[in-house]
Amino acid sequence: MTTHAPAAPHQALSTPEELLTVPQVMARLQLGRSAVYDLLRSGQLASITLGRARRIPTHALTDFIRTRLDQEAA
């Protein structure tokens, strides 16, 4: 009888360490709550919803900042 090694689990796109809360994003951008929610609502800043909680992947915040820097440089 042969045994097979268990398949490697799929790596999650974002781990809890890579997901930021709205207050964490507020602190990093030095913006108010309404301004952060306006960015989320307009689609300028990507997020996911887990239950009733809104979480922003760190890569989405990095992409947002990079995009804004590129716009300012143009």
Protein backbone atom coordinates (compact mmCIF):
# COMPACT_ATOMS: atom_id res chain seq x y z
CA MET A 1 0.00 0.00 0.00
CA THR A 2 1.40 3.37 -0.96
CA THR A 3 0.88 6.53 0.97
CA HIS A 4 0.76 9.94 -0.56
CA ALA A 5 2.00 13.08 1.06
CA PRO A 6 -0.87 15.42 1.85
CA ALA A 7 -1.42 18.09 -0.72
CA ALA A 8 -0.02 21.46 0.21
CA PRO A 9 -2.79 23.77 1.39
CA HIS A 10 -3.61 26.70 -0.82
CA GLN A 11 -1.85 29.78 0.37
CA ALA A 12 -4.31 32.50 1.27
CA LEU A 13 -4.11 35.74 -0.69
CA SER A 14 -3.99 37.73 2.52
CA THR A 15 -3.18 36.59 6.00
CA PRO A 16 -4.49 38.42 9.06
CA GLU A 17 -1.14 40.22 9.36
CA GLU A 18 -1.67 41.66 5.89
CA LEU A 19 -5.17 43.01 6.51
CA LEU A 20 -5.59 46.47 8.00
CA THR A 21 -8.56 47.92 9.82
CA VAL A 22 -10.01 51.30 8.90
CA PRO A 23 -8.44 52.92 12.00
CA GLN A 24 -5.02 51.52 11.00
CA VAL A 25 -5.42 52.98 7.50
CA MET A 26 -6.56 56.27 9.04
CA ALA A 27 -3.35 56.39 11.08
CA ARG A 28 -1.09 55.44 8.16
CA LEU A 29 -2.63 58.00 5.80
CA GLN A 30 -3.27 60.56 8.54
CA LEU A 31 -6.85 60.93 7.33
CA GLY A 32 -10.17 60.94 9.10
CA ARG A 33 -12.67 58.10 9.12
CA SER A 34 -14.98 59.73 6.57
CA ALA A 35 -12.11 60.35 4.15
CA VAL A 36 -11.02 56.69 4.31
CA TYR A 37 -14.59 55.48 3.76
CA ASP A 38 -14.91 57.89 0.81
CA LEU A 39 -11.80 56.29 -0.74
CA LEU A 40 -13.30 52.84 -0.18
CA ARG A 41 -16.71 53.83 -1.54
CA SER A 42 -15.20 55.41 -4.67
CA GLY A 43 -13.07 52.34 -5.37
CA GLN A 44 -9.80 54.24 -5.08
CA LEU A 45 -8.83 51.99 -2.16
CA ALA A 46 -9.68 48.29 -2.41
CA SER A 47 -11.09 46.37 0.55
CA ILE A 48 -12.82 43.17 1.53
CA THR A 49 -15.71 42.65 3.89
CA LEU A 50 -15.58 39.91 6.49
CA GLY A 51 -18.99 39.76 8.10
CA ARG A 52 -19.57 43.36 9.06
CA ALA A 53 -15.87 44.20 9.27
CA ARG A 54 -14.08 46.08 6.49
CA ARG A 55 -10.43 45.14 5.93
CA ILE A 56 -7.89 46.69 3.60
CA PRO A 57 -5.07 44.47 2.30
CA THR A 58 -1.66 46.10 2.76
CA HIS A 59 -0.96 45.68 -0.96
CA ALA A 60 -4.11 47.70 -1.73
CA LEU A 61 -2.84 50.53 0.45
CA THR A 62 0.57 50.35 -1.23
CA ASP A 63 -1.07 50.39 -4.68
CA PHE A 64 -3.21 53.38 -3.71
CA ILE A 65 -0.17 55.35 -2.52
CA ARG A 66 1.85 54.40 -5.61
CA THR A 67 -1.01 55.47 -7.90
CA ARG A 68 -1.36 58.81 -6.12
CA LEU A 69 2.40 59.41 -6.34
CA ASP A 70 2.33 58.64 -10.08
CA GLN A 71 -0.59 61.05 -10.56
CA GLU A 72 1.24 63.79 -8.66
CA ALA A 73 4.38 63.25 -10.75
CA ALA A 74 2.50 63.48 -14.06
